PDB file of all heavy atoms in Angstrom:
ATOM      1  N   VAL A   1     122.885  92.687  65.355  1.00  0.00           N
ATOM      2  CA  VAL A   1     121.460  92.573  65.675  1.00  0.00           C
ATOM      3  C   VAL A   1     121.022  93.863  66.330  1.00  0.00           C
ATOM      4  O   VAL A   1     121.702  94.406  67.207  1.00  0.00           O
ATOM      5  CB  VAL A   1     121.150  91.410  66.645  1.00  0.00           C
ATOM      6  CG1 VAL A   1     119.644  91.302  66.855  1.00  0.00           C
ATOM      7  CG2 VAL A   1     121.668  90.079  66.075  1.00  0.00           C
ATOM      8  N   VAL A   2     119.872  94.431  65.878  1.00  0.00           N
ATOM      9  CA  VAL A   2     119.287  95.595  66.510  1.00  0.00           C
ATOM     10  C   VAL A   2     117.876  95.251  66.974  1.00  0.00           C
ATOM     11  O   VAL A   2     117.159  94.480  66.323  1.00  0.00           O
ATOM     12  CB  VAL A   2     119.239  96.813  65.587  1.00  0.00           C
ATOM     13  CG1 VAL A   2     120.582  97.379  65.347  1.00  0.00           C
ATOM     14  CG2 VAL A   2     118.529  96.497  64.256  1.00  0.00           C
ATOM     15  N   LYS A   3     117.512  95.797  68.108  1.00  0.00           N
ATOM     16  CA  LYS A   3     116.142  95.644  68.613  1.00  0.00           C
ATOM     17  C   LYS A   3     115.245  96.629  67.898  1.00  0.00           C
ATOM     18  O   LYS A   3     115.475  97.833  67.978  1.00  0.00           O
ATOM     19  CB  LYS A   3     116.122  95.846  70.123  1.00  0.00           C
ATOM     20  CG  LYS A   3     114.773  95.593  70.782  1.00  0.00           C
ATOM     21  CD  LYS A   3     114.884  95.821  72.269  1.00  0.00           C
ATOM     22  CE  LYS A   3     113.548  95.585  72.977  1.00  0.00           C
ATOM     23  NZ  LYS A   3     113.666  95.794  74.435  1.00  0.00           N
ATOM     24  N   ASN A   4     114.228  96.155  67.211  1.00  0.00           N
ATOM     25  CA  ASN A   4     113.376  96.995  66.416  1.00  0.00           C
ATOM     26  C   ASN A   4     112.620  97.988  67.288  1.00  0.00           C
ATOM     27  O   ASN A   4     112.097  97.635  68.357  1.00  0.00           O
ATOM     28  CB  ASN A   4     112.367  96.138  65.670  1.00  0.00           C
ATOM     29  CG  ASN A   4     111.687  96.891  64.534  1.00  0.00           C
ATOM     30  OD1 ASN A   4     112.117  97.987  64.155  1.00  0.00           O
ATOM     31  ND2 ASN A   4     110.648  96.311  63.983  1.00  0.00           N
ATOM     32  N   GLY A   5     112.619  99.261  66.883  1.00  0.00           N
ATOM     33  CA  GLY A   5     111.960 100.299  67.680  1.00  0.00           C
ATOM     34  C   GLY A   5     112.442 101.671  67.284  1.00  0.00           C
ATOM     35  O   GLY A   5     113.222 101.837  66.335  1.00  0.00           O
ATOM     36  N   GLU A   6     111.992 102.674  68.028  1.00  0.00           N
ATOM     37  CA  GLU A   6     112.321 104.058  67.656  1.00  0.00           C
ATOM     38  C   GLU A   6     113.820 104.346  67.822  1.00  0.00           C
ATOM     39  O   GLU A   6     114.411 105.050  67.011  1.00  0.00           O
ATOM     40  CB  GLU A   6     111.506 105.012  68.574  1.00  0.00           C
ATOM     41  CG  GLU A   6     110.032 104.936  68.347  1.00  0.00           C
ATOM     42  CD  GLU A   6     109.653 105.190  66.897  1.00  0.00           C
ATOM     43  OE1 GLU A   6     110.192 106.142  66.279  1.00  0.00           O
ATOM     44  OE2 GLU A   6     108.827 104.450  66.351  1.00  0.00           O
ATOM     45  N   TRP A   7     114.456 103.772  68.849  1.00  0.00           N
ATOM     46  CA  TRP A   7     115.895 104.022  69.014  1.00  0.00           C
ATOM     47  C   TRP A   7     116.676 103.454  67.827  1.00  0.00           C
ATOM     48  O   TRP A   7     117.622 104.040  67.339  1.00  0.00           O
ATOM     49  CB  TRP A   7     116.408 103.423  70.303  1.00  0.00           C
ATOM     50  CG  TRP A   7     117.862 103.749  70.529  1.00  0.00           C
ATOM     51  CD1 TRP A   7     118.384 104.859  71.139  1.00  0.00           C
ATOM     52  CD2 TRP A   7     119.010 102.957  70.058  1.00  0.00           C
ATOM     53  NE1 TRP A   7     119.760 104.824  71.098  1.00  0.00           N
ATOM     54  CE2 TRP A   7     120.168 103.696  70.445  1.00  0.00           C
ATOM     55  CE3 TRP A   7     119.127 101.772  69.362  1.00  0.00           C
ATOM     56  CZ2 TRP A   7     121.426 103.253  70.140  1.00  0.00           C
ATOM     57  CZ3 TRP A   7     120.397 101.327  69.067  1.00  0.00           C
ATOM     58  CH2 TRP A   7     121.558 102.050  69.433  1.00  0.00           C
ATOM     59  N   ALA A   8     116.281 102.249  67.390  1.00  0.00           N
ATOM     60  CA  ALA A   8     116.975 101.607  66.250  1.00  0.00           C
ATOM     61  C   ALA A   8     116.845 102.432  65.014  1.00  0.00           C
ATOM     62  O   ALA A   8     117.807 102.561  64.228  1.00  0.00           O
ATOM     63  CB  ALA A   8     116.417 100.209  66.036  1.00  0.00           C
ATOM     64  N   LYS A   9     115.685 103.017  64.787  1.00  0.00           N
ATOM     65  CA  LYS A   9     115.502 103.893  63.596  1.00  0.00           C
ATOM     66  C   LYS A   9     116.440 105.095  63.702  1.00  0.00           C
ATOM     67  O   LYS A   9     117.083 105.447  62.714  1.00  0.00           O
ATOM     68  CB  LYS A   9     114.042 104.351  63.489  1.00  0.00           C
ATOM     69  CG  LYS A   9     113.085 103.219  63.210  1.00  0.00           C
ATOM     70  CD  LYS A   9     111.647 103.673  63.275  1.00  0.00           C
ATOM     71  CE  LYS A   9     110.684 102.523  63.090  1.00  0.00           C
ATOM     72  NZ  LYS A   9     109.253 102.964  63.267  1.00  0.00           N
ATOM     73  N   PHE A  10     116.467 105.730  64.842  1.00  0.00           N
ATOM     74  CA  PHE A  10     117.371 106.867  65.080  1.00  0.00           C
ATOM     75  C   PHE A  10     118.811 106.442  64.809  1.00  0.00           C
ATOM     76  O   PHE A  10     119.578 107.175  64.153  1.00  0.00           O
ATOM     77  CB  PHE A  10     117.179 107.407  66.515  1.00  0.00           C
ATOM     78  CG  PHE A  10     118.417 108.023  67.082  1.00  0.00           C
ATOM     79  CD1 PHE A  10     118.812 109.292  66.706  1.00  0.00           C
ATOM     80  CD2 PHE A  10     119.203 107.344  68.017  1.00  0.00           C
ATOM     81  CE1 PHE A  10     119.952 109.884  67.220  1.00  0.00           C
ATOM     82  CE2 PHE A  10     120.320 107.928  68.561  1.00  0.00           C
ATOM     83  CZ  PHE A  10     120.694 109.190  68.173  1.00  0.00           C
ATOM     84  N   PHE A  11     119.201 105.310  65.362  1.00  0.00           N
ATOM     85  CA  PHE A  11     120.583 104.873  65.235  1.00  0.00           C
ATOM     86  C   PHE A  11     120.965 104.609  63.785  1.00  0.00           C
ATOM     87  O   PHE A  11     122.015 105.079  63.290  1.00  0.00           O
ATOM     88  CB  PHE A  11     120.777 103.611  66.075  1.00  0.00           C
ATOM     89  CG  PHE A  11     122.038 102.854  65.763  1.00  0.00           C
ATOM     90  CD1 PHE A  11     123.274 103.433  65.848  1.00  0.00           C
ATOM     91  CD2 PHE A  11     121.967 101.532  65.333  1.00  0.00           C
ATOM     92  CE1 PHE A  11     124.456 102.721  65.541  1.00  0.00           C
ATOM     93  CE2 PHE A  11     123.117 100.838  65.016  1.00  0.00           C
ATOM     94  CZ  PHE A  11     124.341 101.434  65.125  1.00  0.00           C
ATOM     95  N   ILE A  12     120.164 103.849  63.047  1.00  0.00           N
ATOM     96  CA  ILE A  12     120.479 103.529  61.670  1.00  0.00           C
ATOM     97  C   ILE A  12     120.522 104.776  60.811  1.00  0.00           C
ATOM     98  O   ILE A  12     121.418 104.959  59.979  1.00  0.00           O
ATOM     99  CB  ILE A  12     119.487 102.510  61.108  1.00  0.00           C
ATOM    100  CG1 ILE A  12     119.595 101.188  61.834  1.00  0.00           C
ATOM    101  CG2 ILE A  12     119.667 102.335  59.619  1.00  0.00           C
ATOM    102  CD1 ILE A  12     120.916 100.465  61.666  1.00  0.00           C
ATOM    103  N   GLU A  13     119.594 105.691  61.045  1.00  0.00           N
ATOM    104  CA  GLU A  13     119.590 106.942  60.250  1.00  0.00           C
ATOM    105  C   GLU A  13     120.788 107.814  60.605  1.00  0.00           C
ATOM    106  O   GLU A  13     121.308 108.502  59.732  1.00  0.00           O
ATOM    107  CB  GLU A  13     118.239 107.698  60.534  1.00  0.00           C
ATOM    108  CG  GLU A  13     117.080 106.971  59.885  1.00  0.00           C
ATOM    109  CD  GLU A  13     115.742 107.506  60.344  1.00  0.00           C
ATOM    110  OE1 GLU A  13     115.724 108.513  61.142  1.00  0.00           O
ATOM    111  OE2 GLU A  13     114.694 106.938  59.949  1.00  0.00           O
ATOM    112  N   THR A  14     121.227 107.788  61.838  1.00  0.00           N
ATOM    113  CA  THR A  14     122.422 108.523  62.222  1.00  0.00           C
ATOM    114  C   THR A  14     123.632 107.930  61.565  1.00  0.00           C
ATOM    115  O   THR A  14     124.495 108.642  60.986  1.00  0.00           O
ATOM    116  CB  THR A  14     122.606 108.511  63.765  1.00  0.00           C
ATOM    117  OG1 THR A  14     121.487 109.114  64.367  1.00  0.00           O
ATOM    118  CG2 THR A  14     123.885 109.227  64.151  1.00  0.00           C
ATOM    119  N   TRP A  15     123.757 106.603  61.579  1.00  0.00           N
ATOM    120  CA  TRP A  15     124.898 105.908  60.998  1.00  0.00           C
ATOM    121  C   TRP A  15     124.959 106.155  59.469  1.00  0.00           C
ATOM    122  O   TRP A  15     126.062 106.300  58.892  1.00  0.00           O
ATOM    123  CB  TRP A  15     124.728 104.421  61.270  1.00  0.00           C
ATOM    124  CG  TRP A  15     125.891 103.548  60.993  1.00  0.00           C
ATOM    125  CD1 TRP A  15     127.089 103.878  60.422  1.00  0.00           C
ATOM    126  CD2 TRP A  15     125.958 102.107  61.180  1.00  0.00           C
ATOM    127  NE1 TRP A  15     127.893 102.774  60.255  1.00  0.00           N
ATOM    128  CE2 TRP A  15     127.225 101.677  60.719  1.00  0.00           C
ATOM    129  CE3 TRP A  15     125.047 101.172  61.688  1.00  0.00           C
ATOM    130  CZ2 TRP A  15     127.604 100.325  60.773  1.00  0.00           C
ATOM    131  CZ3 TRP A  15     125.428  99.868  61.747  1.00  0.00           C
ATOM    132  CH2 TRP A  15     126.711  99.449  61.311  1.00  0.00           C
ATOM    133  N   PHE A  16     123.821 106.288  58.841  1.00  0.00           N
ATOM    134  CA  PHE A  16     123.770 106.431  57.389  1.00  0.00           C
ATOM    135  C   PHE A  16     123.776 107.914  56.951  1.00  0.00           C
ATOM    136  O   PHE A  16     123.612 108.210  55.784  1.00  0.00           O
ATOM    137  CB  PHE A  16     122.479 105.755  56.846  1.00  0.00           C
ATOM    138  CG  PHE A  16     122.403 105.626  55.370  1.00  0.00           C
ATOM    139  CD1 PHE A  16     123.362 104.880  54.652  1.00  0.00           C
ATOM    140  CD2 PHE A  16     121.422 106.278  54.631  1.00  0.00           C
ATOM    141  CE1 PHE A  16     123.307 104.776  53.290  1.00  0.00           C
ATOM    142  CE2 PHE A  16     121.346 106.199  53.235  1.00  0.00           C
ATOM    143  CZ  PHE A  16     122.303 105.413  52.561  1.00  0.00           C
ATOM    144  N   ASP A  17     124.007 108.768  57.893  1.00  0.00           N
ATOM    145  CA  ASP A  17     123.964 110.230  57.585  1.00  0.00           C
ATOM    146  C   ASP A  17     124.940 110.533  56.449  1.00  0.00           C
ATOM    147  O   ASP A  17     126.073 110.034  56.427  1.00  0.00           O
ATOM    148  CB  ASP A  17     124.382 110.995  58.829  1.00  0.00           C
ATOM    149  CG  ASP A  17     124.075 112.484  58.689  1.00  0.00           C
ATOM    150  OD1 ASP A  17     124.757 113.164  57.867  1.00  0.00           O
ATOM    151  OD2 ASP A  17     123.154 112.962  59.353  1.00  0.00           O
ATOM    152  N   PRO A  18     124.519 111.391  55.503  1.00  0.00           N
ATOM    153  CA  PRO A  18     125.394 111.699  54.369  1.00  0.00           C
ATOM    154  C   PRO A  18     126.758 112.254  54.740  1.00  0.00           C
ATOM    155  O   PRO A  18     127.743 112.052  54.029  1.00  0.00           O
ATOM    156  CB  PRO A  18     124.559 112.790  53.606  1.00  0.00           C
ATOM    157  CG  PRO A  18     123.157 112.519  53.962  1.00  0.00           C
ATOM    158  CD  PRO A  18     123.199 111.996  55.374  1.00  0.00           C
ATOM    159  N   ILE A  19     126.828 112.929  55.878  1.00  0.00           N
ATOM    160  CA  ILE A  19     128.118 113.500  56.282  1.00  0.00           C
ATOM    161  C   ILE A  19     129.159 112.415  56.540  1.00  0.00           C
ATOM    162  O   ILE A  19     130.346 112.567  56.233  1.00  0.00           O
ATOM    163  CB  ILE A  19     127.962 114.438  57.505  1.00  0.00           C
ATOM    164  CG1 ILE A  19     129.245 115.243  57.698  1.00  0.00           C
ATOM    165  CG2 ILE A  19     127.655 113.616  58.765  1.00  0.00           C
ATOM    166  CD1 ILE A  19     129.097 116.389  58.714  1.00  0.00           C
ATOM    167  N   TYR A  20     128.718 111.288  57.102  1.00  0.00           N
ATOM    168  CA  TYR A  20     129.641 110.200  57.344  1.00  0.00           C
ATOM    169  C   TYR A  20     130.039 109.476  56.056  1.00  0.00           C
ATOM    170  O   TYR A  20     131.175 109.059  55.870  1.00  0.00           O
ATOM    171  CB  TYR A  20     129.057 109.197  58.334  1.00  0.00           C
ATOM    172  CG  TYR A  20     128.806 109.781  59.698  1.00  0.00           C
ATOM    173  CD1 TYR A  20     127.531 109.724  60.285  1.00  0.00           C
ATOM    174  CD2 TYR A  20     129.829 110.419  60.382  1.00  0.00           C
ATOM    175  CE1 TYR A  20     127.313 110.281  61.521  1.00  0.00           C
ATOM    176  CE2 TYR A  20     129.596 110.985  61.618  1.00  0.00           C
ATOM    177  CZ  TYR A  20     128.329 110.935  62.185  1.00  0.00           C
ATOM    178  OH  TYR A  20     128.121 111.485  63.409  1.00  0.00           O
ATOM    179  N   ARG A  21     129.081 109.380  55.137  1.00  0.00           N
ATOM    180  CA  ARG A  21     129.394 108.794  53.838  1.00  0.00           C
ATOM    181  C   ARG A  21     130.391 109.670  53.068  1.00  0.00           C
ATOM    182  O   ARG A  21     131.137 109.143  52.210  1.00  0.00           O
ATOM    183  CB  ARG A  21     128.119 108.570  53.012  1.00  0.00           C
ATOM    184  CG  ARG A  21     127.303 107.348  53.470  1.00  0.00           C
ATOM    185  CD  ARG A  21     126.057 107.216  52.640  1.00  0.00           C
ATOM    186  NE  ARG A  21     125.002 108.095  53.134  1.00  0.00           N
ATOM    187  CZ  ARG A  21     124.020 108.593  52.388  1.00  0.00           C
ATOM    188  NH1 ARG A  21     123.992 108.313  51.109  1.00  0.00           N
ATOM    189  NH2 ARG A  21     123.081 109.327  52.911  1.00  0.00           N
ATOM    190  N   SER A  22     130.359 110.953  53.318  1.00  0.00           N
ATOM    191  CA  SER A  22     131.263 111.851  52.586  1.00  0.00           C
ATOM    192  C   SER A  22     132.677 111.869  53.148  1.00  0.00           C
ATOM    193  O   SER A  22     133.589 112.441  52.542  1.00  0.00           O
ATOM    194  CB  SER A  22     130.709 113.269  52.594  1.00  0.00           C
ATOM    195  OG  SER A  22     130.774 113.844  53.918  1.00  0.00           O
ATOM    196  N   TYR A  23     132.881 111.249  54.308  1.00  0.00           N
ATOM    197  CA  TYR A  23     134.206 111.299  54.936  1.00  0.00           C
ATOM    198  C   TYR A  23     135.211 110.366  54.240  1.00  0.00           C
ATOM    199  O   TYR A  23     136.404 110.442  54.517  1.00  0.00           O
ATOM    200  CB  TYR A  23     134.108 110.873  56.409  1.00  0.00           C
ATOM    201  CG  TYR A  23     133.594 111.978  57.320  1.00  0.00           C
ATOM    202  CD1 TYR A  23     133.331 111.692  58.681  1.00  0.00           C
ATOM    203  CD2 TYR A  23     133.371 113.274  56.866  1.00  0.00           C
ATOM    204  CE1 TYR A  23     132.856 112.704  59.530  1.00  0.00           C
ATOM    205  CE2 TYR A  23     132.920 114.254  57.719  1.00  0.00           C
ATOM    206  CZ  TYR A  23     132.649 113.984  59.024  1.00  0.00           C
ATOM    207  OH  TYR A  23     132.181 114.935  59.855  1.00  0.00           O
ATOM    208  N   ASN A  24     134.741 109.448  53.423  1.00  0.00           N
ATOM    209  CA  ASN A  24     135.621 108.480  52.754  1.00  0.00           C
ATOM    210  C   ASN A  24     136.493 107.708  53.734  1.00  0.00           C
ATOM    211  O   ASN A  24     137.707 107.600  53.552  1.00  0.00           O
ATOM    212  CB  ASN A  24     136.509 109.206  51.713  1.00  0.00           C
ATOM    213  CG  ASN A  24     135.706 109.810  50.581  1.00  0.00           C
ATOM    214  OD1 ASN A  24     134.776 109.181  50.105  1.00  0.00           O
ATOM    215  ND2 ASN A  24     136.070 110.996  50.151  1.00  0.00           N
ATOM    216  N   PHE A  25     135.842 107.174  54.740  1.00  0.00           N
ATOM    217  CA  PHE A  25     136.552 106.294  55.683  1.00  0.00           C
ATOM    218  C   PHE A  25     137.207 105.144  54.919  1.00  0.00           C
ATOM    219  O   PHE A  25     136.619 104.582  53.969  1.00  0.00           O
ATOM    220  CB  PHE A  25     135.603 105.765  56.745  1.00  0.00           C
ATOM    221  CG  PHE A  25     135.129 106.782  57.723  1.00  0.00           C
ATOM    222  CD1 PHE A  25     133.792 107.187  57.732  1.00  0.00           C
ATOM    223  CD2 PHE A  25     135.970 107.326  58.666  1.00  0.00           C
ATOM    224  CE1 PHE A  25     133.341 108.112  58.655  1.00  0.00           C
ATOM    225  CE2 PHE A  25     135.540 108.263  59.567  1.00  0.00           C
ATOM    226  CZ  PHE A  25     134.207 108.634  59.590  1.00  0.00           C
ATOM    227  N   GLN A  26     138.333 104.683  55.413  1.00  0.00           N
ATOM    228  CA  GLN A  26     139.025 103.596  54.727  1.00  0.00           C
ATOM    229  C   GLN A  26     138.162 102.337  54.662  1.00  0.00           C
ATOM    230  O   GLN A  26     138.132 101.642  53.623  1.00  0.00           O
ATOM    231  CB  GLN A  26     140.331 103.231  55.458  1.00  0.00           C
ATOM    232  CG  GLN A  26     141.157 102.153  54.774  1.00  0.00           C
ATOM    233  CD  GLN A  26     142.433 101.846  55.531  1.00  0.00           C
ATOM    234  OE1 GLN A  26     142.686 102.401  56.606  1.00  0.00           O
ATOM    235  NE2 GLN A  26     143.212 100.972  54.967  1.00  0.00           N
ATOM    236  N   LYS A  27     137.440 102.026  55.739  1.00  0.00           N
ATOM    237  CA  LYS A  27     136.570 100.857  55.757  1.00  0.00           C
ATOM    238  C   LYS A  27     135.115 101.263  55.784  1.00  0.00           C
ATOM    239  O   LYS A  27     134.270 100.601  56.394  1.00  0.00           O
ATOM    240  CB  LYS A  27     136.910  99.930  56.907  1.00  0.00           C
ATOM    241  CG  LYS A  27     138.269  99.245  56.764  1.00  0.00           C
ATOM    242  CD  LYS A  27     138.467  98.179  57.807  1.00  0.00           C
ATOM    243  CE  LYS A  27     139.775  97.451  57.557  1.00  0.00           C
ATOM    244  NZ  LYS A  27     139.990  96.343  58.516  1.00  0.00           N
ATOM    245  N   ALA A  28     134.827 102.331  55.096  1.00  0.00           N
ATOM    246  CA  ALA A  28     133.448 102.803  54.874  1.00  0.00           C
ATOM    247  C   ALA A  28     132.611 102.800  56.132  1.00  0.00           C
ATOM    248  O   ALA A  28     132.970 103.419  57.138  1.00  0.00           O
ATOM    249  CB  ALA A  28     132.796 101.959  53.763  1.00  0.00           C
ATOM    250  N   GLU A  29     131.449 102.089  56.108  1.00  0.00           N
ATOM    251  CA  GLU A  29     130.510 102.128  57.213  1.00  0.00           C
ATOM    252  C   GLU A  29     131.078 101.541  58.509  1.00  0.00           C
ATOM    253  O   GLU A  29     130.650 101.925  59.628  1.00  0.00           O
ATOM    254  CB  GLU A  29     129.198 101.416  56.837  1.00  0.00           C
ATOM    255  CG  GLU A  29     129.220  99.907  56.916  1.00  0.00           C
ATOM    256  CD  GLU A  29     130.028  99.217  55.844  1.00  0.00           C
ATOM    257  OE1 GLU A  29     130.442  99.902  54.891  1.00  0.00           O
ATOM    258  OE2 GLU A  29     130.308  98.023  55.984  1.00  0.00           O
ATOM    259  N   GLN A  30     132.032 100.675  58.419  1.00  0.00           N
ATOM    260  CA  GLN A  30     132.668 100.108  59.618  1.00  0.00           C
ATOM    261  C   GLN A  30     133.413 101.174  60.423  1.00  0.00           C
ATOM    262  O   GLN A  30     133.238 101.286  61.636  1.00  0.00           O
ATOM    263  CB  GLN A  30     133.625  98.964  59.264  1.00  0.00           C
ATOM    264  CG  GLN A  30     134.286  98.290  60.470  1.00  0.00           C
ATOM    265  CD  GLN A  30     135.096  97.090  60.037  1.00  0.00           C
ATOM    266  OE1 GLN A  30     134.751  96.352  59.173  1.00  0.00           O
ATOM    267  NE2 GLN A  30     136.233  96.921  60.709  1.00  0.00           N
ATOM    268  N   HIS A  31     134.242 101.979  59.731  1.00  0.00           N
ATOM    269  CA  HIS A  31     134.966 103.022  60.436  1.00  0.00           C
ATOM    270  C   HIS A  31     134.014 104.145  60.845  1.00  0.00           C
ATOM    271  O   HIS A  31     134.245 104.799  61.886  1.00  0.00           O
ATOM    272  CB  HIS A  31     136.058 103.575  59.557  1.00  0.00           C
ATOM    273  CG  HIS A  31     137.280 102.690  59.539  1.00  0.00           C
ATOM    274  ND1 HIS A  31     138.373 102.911  58.712  1.00  0.00           N
ATOM    275  CD2 HIS A  31     137.589 101.584  60.236  1.00  0.00           C
ATOM    276  CE1 HIS A  31     139.293 101.978  58.940  1.00  0.00           C
ATOM    277  NE2 HIS A  31     138.842 101.160  59.862  1.00  0.00           N
ATOM    278  N   ALA A  32     132.946 104.385  60.066  1.00  0.00           N
ATOM    279  CA  ALA A  32     131.949 105.369  60.470  1.00  0.00           C
ATOM    280  C   ALA A  32     131.292 104.947  61.796  1.00  0.00           C
ATOM    281  O   ALA A  32     131.066 105.773  62.659  1.00  0.00           O
ATOM    282  CB  ALA A  32     130.890 105.496  59.373  1.00  0.00           C
ATOM    283  N   LEU A  33     131.025 103.663  61.959  1.00  0.00           N
ATOM    284  CA  LEU A  33     130.430 103.167  63.169  1.00  0.00           C
ATOM    285  C   LEU A  33     131.367 103.391  64.345  1.00  0.00           C
ATOM    286  O   LEU A  33     130.940 103.821  65.429  1.00  0.00           O
ATOM    287  CB  LEU A  33     130.093 101.695  63.026  1.00  0.00           C
ATOM    288  CG  LEU A  33     129.520 101.002  64.291  1.00  0.00           C
ATOM    289  CD1 LEU A  33     128.215 101.650  64.682  1.00  0.00           C
ATOM    290  CD2 LEU A  33     129.369  99.506  64.030  1.00  0.00           C
ATOM    291  N   GLU A  34     132.633 103.112  64.176  1.00  0.00           N
ATOM    292  CA  GLU A  34     133.601 103.307  65.256  1.00  0.00           C
ATOM    293  C   GLU A  34     133.641 104.807  65.671  1.00  0.00           C
ATOM    294  O   GLU A  34     133.740 105.115  66.860  1.00  0.00           O
ATOM    295  CB  GLU A  34     134.981 102.812  64.814  1.00  0.00           C
ATOM    296  CG  GLU A  34     135.070 101.329  64.653  1.00  0.00           C
ATOM    297  CD  GLU A  34     136.413 100.842  64.142  1.00  0.00           C
ATOM    298  OE1 GLU A  34     137.250 101.730  63.775  1.00  0.00           O
ATOM    299  OE2 GLU A  34     136.646  99.631  64.123  1.00  0.00           O
ATOM    300  N   HIS A  35     133.560 105.675  64.659  1.00  0.00           N
ATOM    301  CA  HIS A  35     133.548 107.108  64.953  1.00  0.00           C
ATOM    302  C   HIS A  35     132.313 107.481  65.761  1.00  0.00           C
ATOM    303  O   HIS A  35     132.381 108.170  66.774  1.00  0.00           O
ATOM    304  CB  HIS A  35     133.562 107.876  63.635  1.00  0.00           C
ATOM    305  CG  HIS A  35     133.363 109.344  63.801  1.00  0.00           C
ATOM    306  ND1 HIS A  35     134.394 110.232  64.087  1.00  0.00           N
ATOM    307  CD2 HIS A  35     132.224 110.129  63.725  1.00  0.00           C
ATOM    308  CE1 HIS A  35     133.908 111.477  64.183  1.00  0.00           C
ATOM    309  NE2 HIS A  35     132.603 111.418  63.982  1.00  0.00           N
ATOM    310  N   ILE A  36     131.144 107.028  65.341  1.00  0.00           N
ATOM    311  CA  ILE A  36     129.879 107.356  65.977  1.00  0.00           C
ATOM    312  C   ILE A  36     129.850 106.851  67.429  1.00  0.00           C
ATOM    313  O   ILE A  36     129.478 107.567  68.380  1.00  0.00           O
ATOM    314  CB  ILE A  36     128.699 106.760  65.219  1.00  0.00           C
ATOM    315  CG1 ILE A  36     128.561 107.442  63.835  1.00  0.00           C
ATOM    316  CG2 ILE A  36     127.384 106.911  65.980  1.00  0.00           C
ATOM    317  CD1 ILE A  36     127.605 106.747  62.914  1.00  0.00           C
ATOM    318  N   VAL A  37     130.256 105.624  67.633  1.00  0.00           N
ATOM    319  CA  VAL A  37     130.208 105.004  68.936  1.00  0.00           C
ATOM    320  C   VAL A  37     131.097 105.764  69.939  1.00  0.00           C
ATOM    321  O   VAL A  37     130.752 105.949  71.092  1.00  0.00           O
ATOM    322  CB  VAL A  37     130.607 103.491  68.868  1.00  0.00           C
ATOM    323  CG1 VAL A  37     130.850 102.938  70.255  1.00  0.00           C
ATOM    324  CG2 VAL A  37     129.511 102.718  68.144  1.00  0.00           C
ATOM    325  N   GLN A  38     132.249 106.217  69.452  1.00  0.00           N
ATOM    326  CA  GLN A  38     133.182 106.896  70.357  1.00  0.00           C
ATOM    327  C   GLN A  38     132.765 108.323  70.661  1.00  0.00           C
ATOM    328  O   GLN A  38     133.173 108.873  71.684  1.00  0.00           O
ATOM    329  CB  GLN A  38     134.591 106.877  69.744  1.00  0.00           C
ATOM    330  CG  GLN A  38     135.183 105.475  69.674  1.00  0.00           C
ATOM    331  CD  GLN A  38     136.616 105.483  69.159  1.00  0.00           C
ATOM    332  OE1 GLN A  38     137.575 105.580  69.939  1.00  0.00           O
ATOM    333  NE2 GLN A  38     136.764 105.413  67.874  1.00  0.00           N
ATOM    334  N   TRP A  39     131.970 108.920  69.783  1.00  0.00           N
ATOM    335  CA  TRP A  39     131.614 110.347  69.988  1.00  0.00           C
ATOM    336  C   TRP A  39     130.180 110.544  70.434  1.00  0.00           C
ATOM    337  O   TRP A  39     129.809 111.675  70.740  1.00  0.00           O
ATOM    338  CB  TRP A  39     131.879 111.126  68.678  1.00  0.00           C
ATOM    339  CG  TRP A  39     133.348 111.353  68.455  1.00  0.00           C
ATOM    340  CD1 TRP A  39     134.196 110.593  67.693  1.00  0.00           C
ATOM    341  CD2 TRP A  39     134.166 112.385  68.985  1.00  0.00           C
ATOM    342  NE1 TRP A  39     135.475 111.065  67.728  1.00  0.00           N
ATOM    343  CE2 TRP A  39     135.471 112.226  68.522  1.00  0.00           C
ATOM    344  CE3 TRP A  39     133.898 113.480  69.835  1.00  0.00           C
ATOM    345  CZ2 TRP A  39     136.513 113.085  68.882  1.00  0.00           C
ATOM    346  CZ3 TRP A  39     134.917 114.340  70.171  1.00  0.00           C
ATOM    347  CH2 TRP A  39     136.232 114.135  69.664  1.00  0.00           C
ATOM    348  N   HIS A  40     129.362 109.508  70.459  1.00  0.00           N
ATOM    349  CA  HIS A  40     127.977 109.658  70.839  1.00  0.00           C
ATOM    350  C   HIS A  40     127.615 108.691  71.951  1.00  0.00           C
ATOM    351  O   HIS A  40     127.301 107.528  71.710  1.00  0.00           O
ATOM    352  CB  HIS A  40     127.074 109.401  69.605  1.00  0.00           C
ATOM    353  CG  HIS A  40     127.247 110.406  68.521  1.00  0.00           C
ATOM    354  ND1 HIS A  40     126.554 111.624  68.501  1.00  0.00           N
ATOM    355  CD2 HIS A  40     128.035 110.391  67.415  1.00  0.00           C
ATOM    356  CE1 HIS A  40     126.926 112.309  67.427  1.00  0.00           C
ATOM    357  NE2 HIS A  40     127.813 111.609  66.743  1.00  0.00           N
ATOM    358  N   PRO A  41     127.652 109.146  73.177  1.00  0.00           N
ATOM    359  CA  PRO A  41     127.364 108.264  74.329  1.00  0.00           C
ATOM    360  C   PRO A  41     125.955 107.694  74.287  1.00  0.00           C
ATOM    361  O   PRO A  41     125.672 106.664  74.858  1.00  0.00           O
ATOM    362  CB  PRO A  41     127.558 109.148  75.535  1.00  0.00           C
ATOM    363  CG  PRO A  41     127.997 110.467  75.073  1.00  0.00           C
ATOM    364  CD  PRO A  41     128.062 110.487  73.616  1.00  0.00           C
ATOM    365  N   THR A  42     124.982 108.393  73.602  1.00  0.00           N
ATOM    366  CA  THR A  42     123.610 107.891  73.529  1.00  0.00           C
ATOM    367  C   THR A  42     123.583 106.589  72.761  1.00  0.00           C
ATOM    368  O   THR A  42     122.679 105.767  72.967  1.00  0.00           O
ATOM    369  CB  THR A  42     122.717 108.891  72.823  1.00  0.00           C
ATOM    370  OG1 THR A  42     123.279 109.309  71.571  1.00  0.00           O
ATOM    371  CG2 THR A  42     122.526 110.124  73.701  1.00  0.00           C
ATOM    372  N   ILE A  43     124.566 106.387  71.840  1.00  0.00           N
ATOM    373  CA  ILE A  43     124.648 105.148  71.095  1.00  0.00           C
ATOM    374  C   ILE A  43     125.470 104.100  71.848  1.00  0.00           C
ATOM    375  O   ILE A  43     125.060 102.950  71.946  1.00  0.00           O
ATOM    376  CB  ILE A  43     125.208 105.393  69.686  1.00  0.00           C
ATOM    377  CG1 ILE A  43     124.189 106.230  68.881  1.00  0.00           C
ATOM    378  CG2 ILE A  43     125.580 104.098  68.975  1.00  0.00           C
ATOM    379  CD1 ILE A  43     124.654 106.652  67.540  1.00  0.00           C
ATOM    380  N   LEU A  44     126.554 104.540  72.437  1.00  0.00           N
ATOM    381  CA  LEU A  44     127.355 103.610  73.224  1.00  0.00           C
ATOM    382  C   LEU A  44     126.550 103.025  74.398  1.00  0.00           C
ATOM    383  O   LEU A  44     126.762 101.870  74.790  1.00  0.00           O
ATOM    384  CB  LEU A  44     128.602 104.352  73.766  1.00  0.00           C
ATOM    385  CG  LEU A  44     129.630 103.496  74.524  1.00  0.00           C
ATOM    386  CD1 LEU A  44     130.196 102.373  73.656  1.00  0.00           C
ATOM    387  CD2 LEU A  44     130.736 104.395  75.061  1.00  0.00           C
TER     388      LEU A  44
END
C-alpha cells in the first residue's frame, strides 16, 4: 500500500527506473526494491 501523493510518485518512478530494470535481478522488481531501500534512506 502506498499513500497517494508526490512522494509516492517519486518512489514508484524511482523503483521503475530503466537502470534497475537493466540489472536483471533474479527476482526482478522485488530485488530492485531491496536494493533501493538499502541504498536510499529517503525511501527507507
